[in-house]
Amino acid sequence: MTRGGAAGFSRWTLTTAAKTAEDRVPERRPLTVPSRVEYTLTEPGRALRVTISGLCDWTQQFLGQIEASRHRFDTGR
């Protein structure tokens, strides 16, 4: 995980989401340094890599259409 967050999500949002989901996908390990935590994927999280990669590929393939649909929705057209 990056220091400043990822893909438009604030660090606080990512930390809060990870804390509430820590028994599901990420594993959270507090480190000895105060206010520092390390995250790793659990086995179920690693199993999601192929699915998430496919979703990213799909998004890249259809990004122009997604953005056009958002624009039509936002402008009421």
N, C-alpha and C. Protein backbone atom coordinates (compact mmCIF):
# COMPACT_ATOMS: atom_id res chain seq x y z
N MET A 1 0.86 -1.17 0.00
CA MET A 1 0.00 0.00 0.00
C MET A 1 0.90 1.23 0.00
N THR A 2 0.50 2.23 -0.69
CA THR A 2 1.32 3.43 -0.78
C THR A 2 1.07 4.31 0.44
N ARG A 3 2.01 5.21 0.68
CA ARG A 3 1.89 6.09 1.84
C ARG A 3 0.72 7.06 1.70
N GLY A 4 0.48 7.57 0.50
CA GLY A 4 -0.54 8.60 0.33
C GLY A 4 -1.91 8.07 -0.04
N GLY A 5 -2.10 6.79 -0.08
CA GLY A 5 -3.38 6.25 -0.48
C GLY A 5 -3.25 5.62 -1.86
N ALA A 6 -4.38 5.24 -2.42
CA ALA A 6 -4.34 4.58 -3.72
C ALA A 6 -5.55 4.96 -4.53
N ALA A 7 -5.34 5.24 -5.78
CA ALA A 7 -6.42 5.43 -6.77
C ALA A 7 -7.53 6.34 -6.29
N GLY A 8 -7.19 7.49 -5.74
CA GLY A 8 -8.21 8.46 -5.35
C GLY A 8 -8.81 8.24 -3.97
N PHE A 9 -8.33 7.25 -3.23
CA PHE A 9 -8.82 7.02 -1.88
C PHE A 9 -7.83 7.59 -0.89
N SER A 10 -8.33 8.25 0.14
CA SER A 10 -7.42 8.80 1.13
C SER A 10 -6.82 7.68 1.97
N ARG A 11 -5.71 7.97 2.58
CA ARG A 11 -5.05 6.99 3.45
C ARG A 11 -5.99 6.58 4.59
N TRP A 12 -6.72 7.54 5.15
CA TRP A 12 -7.67 7.26 6.23
C TRP A 12 -8.75 6.29 5.76
N THR A 13 -9.31 6.51 4.57
CA THR A 13 -10.35 5.63 4.04
C THR A 13 -9.83 4.21 3.87
N LEU A 14 -8.63 4.08 3.30
CA LEU A 14 -8.05 2.76 3.09
C LEU A 14 -7.76 2.07 4.42
N THR A 15 -7.24 2.82 5.40
CA THR A 15 -6.93 2.24 6.71
C THR A 15 -8.20 1.78 7.40
N THR A 16 -9.24 2.62 7.37
CA THR A 16 -10.50 2.27 8.02
C THR A 16 -11.11 1.03 7.37
N ALA A 17 -11.10 0.98 6.05
CA ALA A 17 -11.65 -0.18 5.34
C ALA A 17 -10.86 -1.43 5.66
N ALA A 18 -9.55 -1.32 5.72
CA ALA A 18 -8.72 -2.49 6.01
C ALA A 18 -8.94 -2.99 7.44
N LYS A 19 -9.11 -2.07 8.39
CA LYS A 19 -9.34 -2.47 9.78
C LYS A 19 -10.65 -3.22 9.92
N THR A 20 -11.68 -2.77 9.23
CA THR A 20 -12.99 -3.42 9.36
C THR A 20 -13.05 -4.73 8.59
N ALA A 21 -12.16 -4.92 7.63
CA ALA A 21 -12.19 -6.13 6.81
C ALA A 21 -11.03 -7.07 7.14
N GLU A 22 -10.31 -6.80 8.24
CA GLU A 22 -9.08 -7.54 8.47
C GLU A 22 -9.28 -9.03 8.68
N ASP A 23 -10.48 -9.47 9.02
CA ASP A 23 -10.70 -10.91 9.16
C ASP A 23 -11.10 -11.54 7.83
N ARG A 24 -11.14 -10.76 6.75
CA ARG A 24 -11.59 -11.28 5.47
C ARG A 24 -10.45 -11.41 4.46
N VAL A 25 -9.86 -10.28 4.05
CA VAL A 25 -8.89 -10.33 2.96
C VAL A 25 -7.51 -9.86 3.39
N PRO A 26 -7.34 -8.63 3.87
CA PRO A 26 -5.97 -8.25 4.26
C PRO A 26 -5.66 -8.72 5.67
N GLU A 27 -4.41 -8.94 5.93
CA GLU A 27 -3.96 -9.24 7.27
C GLU A 27 -3.23 -8.02 7.79
N ARG A 28 -3.58 -7.52 8.96
CA ARG A 28 -3.02 -6.30 9.51
C ARG A 28 -2.09 -6.66 10.66
N ARG A 29 -0.84 -6.19 10.56
CA ARG A 29 0.14 -6.46 11.61
C ARG A 29 0.73 -5.15 12.09
N PRO A 30 0.40 -4.73 13.31
CA PRO A 30 1.06 -3.54 13.85
C PRO A 30 2.56 -3.81 14.02
N LEU A 31 3.37 -2.84 13.68
CA LEU A 31 4.82 -2.97 13.81
C LEU A 31 5.28 -2.32 15.10
N THR A 32 6.54 -2.50 15.42
CA THR A 32 7.06 -1.97 16.67
C THR A 32 7.16 -0.45 16.68
N VAL A 33 7.28 0.14 15.52
CA VAL A 33 7.35 1.60 15.43
C VAL A 33 5.94 2.14 15.66
N PRO A 34 5.76 3.09 16.57
CA PRO A 34 4.41 3.64 16.80
C PRO A 34 3.79 4.19 15.52
N SER A 35 2.51 4.00 15.39
CA SER A 35 1.72 4.51 14.26
C SER A 35 2.14 3.92 12.92
N ARG A 36 2.69 2.73 12.93
CA ARG A 36 3.07 2.10 11.67
C ARG A 36 2.49 0.68 11.65
N VAL A 37 1.89 0.34 10.53
CA VAL A 37 1.25 -0.96 10.38
C VAL A 37 1.62 -1.51 9.01
N GLU A 38 1.77 -2.81 8.91
CA GLU A 38 2.06 -3.44 7.63
C GLU A 38 0.88 -4.34 7.26
N TYR A 39 0.48 -4.29 5.98
CA TYR A 39 -0.61 -5.12 5.50
C TYR A 39 -0.09 -6.13 4.48
N THR A 40 -0.59 -7.34 4.55
CA THR A 40 -0.30 -8.36 3.55
C THR A 40 -1.63 -9.03 3.21
N LEU A 41 -1.67 -9.65 2.05
CA LEU A 41 -2.89 -10.35 1.66
C LEU A 41 -2.95 -11.73 2.29
N THR A 42 -4.13 -12.11 2.70
CA THR A 42 -4.37 -13.46 3.18
C THR A 42 -4.55 -14.37 1.96
N GLU A 43 -4.69 -15.66 2.17
CA GLU A 43 -4.91 -16.59 1.06
C GLU A 43 -6.14 -16.20 0.24
N PRO A 44 -7.30 -15.87 0.87
CA PRO A 44 -8.44 -15.43 0.06
C PRO A 44 -8.13 -14.15 -0.73
N GLY A 45 -7.36 -13.26 -0.16
CA GLY A 45 -6.98 -12.04 -0.87
C GLY A 45 -6.11 -12.34 -2.08
N ARG A 46 -5.15 -13.25 -1.92
CA ARG A 46 -4.29 -13.63 -3.05
C ARG A 46 -5.11 -14.30 -4.14
N ALA A 47 -6.14 -15.04 -3.76
CA ALA A 47 -6.99 -15.71 -4.75
C ALA A 47 -7.76 -14.70 -5.60
N LEU A 48 -7.96 -13.50 -5.08
CA LEU A 48 -8.69 -12.46 -5.83
C LEU A 48 -7.86 -11.78 -6.90
N ARG A 49 -6.56 -11.98 -6.90
CA ARG A 49 -5.69 -11.28 -7.85
C ARG A 49 -6.12 -11.45 -9.30
N VAL A 50 -6.44 -12.66 -9.72
CA VAL A 50 -6.83 -12.91 -11.12
C VAL A 50 -8.13 -12.17 -11.42
N THR A 51 -9.08 -12.22 -10.50
CA THR A 51 -10.37 -11.55 -10.70
C THR A 51 -10.18 -10.04 -10.79
N ILE A 52 -9.41 -9.48 -9.88
CA ILE A 52 -9.19 -8.03 -9.86
C ILE A 52 -8.42 -7.60 -11.11
N SER A 53 -7.45 -8.40 -11.51
CA SER A 53 -6.70 -8.09 -12.73
C SER A 53 -7.64 -8.06 -13.94
N GLY A 54 -8.56 -9.02 -14.01
CA GLY A 54 -9.54 -9.04 -15.11
C GLY A 54 -10.44 -7.81 -15.08
N LEU A 55 -10.84 -7.40 -13.88
CA LEU A 55 -11.68 -6.20 -13.74
C LEU A 55 -10.91 -4.95 -14.20
N CYS A 56 -9.64 -4.90 -13.87
CA CYS A 56 -8.81 -3.76 -14.31
C CYS A 56 -8.68 -3.75 -15.84
N ASP A 57 -8.47 -4.92 -16.42
CA ASP A 57 -8.38 -5.01 -17.89
C ASP A 57 -9.68 -4.56 -18.53
N TRP A 58 -10.81 -5.00 -17.98
CA TRP A 58 -12.14 -4.62 -18.50
C TRP A 58 -12.32 -3.11 -18.42
N THR A 59 -11.91 -2.53 -17.29
CA THR A 59 -12.05 -1.08 -17.10
C THR A 59 -11.23 -0.33 -18.14
N GLN A 60 -10.00 -0.76 -18.37
CA GLN A 60 -9.17 -0.10 -19.37
C GLN A 60 -9.77 -0.22 -20.77
N GLN A 61 -10.32 -1.38 -21.07
CA GLN A 61 -10.92 -1.60 -22.39
C GLN A 61 -12.12 -0.69 -22.62
N PHE A 62 -12.93 -0.47 -21.60
CA PHE A 62 -14.17 0.29 -21.77
C PHE A 62 -14.15 1.66 -21.10
N LEU A 63 -12.97 2.15 -20.75
CA LEU A 63 -12.86 3.42 -20.03
C LEU A 63 -13.52 4.57 -20.78
N GLY A 64 -13.35 4.65 -22.08
CA GLY A 64 -13.97 5.73 -22.85
C GLY A 64 -15.48 5.70 -22.74
N GLN A 65 -16.07 4.53 -22.82
CA GLN A 65 -17.53 4.40 -22.70
C GLN A 65 -18.00 4.71 -21.28
N ILE A 66 -17.22 4.29 -20.30
CA ILE A 66 -17.57 4.57 -18.89
C ILE A 66 -17.58 6.07 -18.65
N GLU A 67 -16.53 6.75 -19.11
CA GLU A 67 -16.44 8.20 -18.92
C GLU A 67 -17.55 8.93 -19.67
N ALA A 68 -17.88 8.48 -20.88
CA ALA A 68 -18.96 9.11 -21.64
C ALA A 68 -20.30 8.93 -20.91
N SER A 69 -20.53 7.76 -20.35
CA SER A 69 -21.78 7.52 -19.60
C SER A 69 -21.85 8.39 -18.35
N ARG A 70 -20.72 8.53 -17.66
CA ARG A 70 -20.69 9.41 -16.48
C ARG A 70 -21.01 10.85 -16.87
N HIS A 71 -20.42 11.30 -17.98
CA HIS A 71 -20.65 12.67 -18.44
C HIS A 71 -22.13 12.87 -18.79
N ARG A 72 -22.72 11.91 -19.50
CA ARG A 72 -24.16 12.03 -19.84
C ARG A 72 -25.01 12.07 -18.59
N PHE A 73 -24.68 11.25 -17.61
CA PHE A 73 -25.44 11.24 -16.36
C PHE A 73 -25.28 12.56 -15.62
N ASP A 74 -24.03 13.03 -15.48
CA ASP A 74 -23.75 14.27 -14.75
C ASP A 74 -24.38 15.49 -15.39
N THR A 75 -24.50 15.50 -16.70
CA THR A 75 -25.06 16.67 -17.39
C THR A 75 -26.55 16.50 -17.67
N GLY A 76 -27.11 15.35 -17.32
CA GLY A 76 -28.53 15.12 -17.53
C GLY A 76 -28.91 14.84 -18.96
N ARG A 77 -27.96 14.40 -19.77
CA ARG A 77 -28.23 14.12 -21.19
C ARG A 77 -28.28 12.65 -21.43
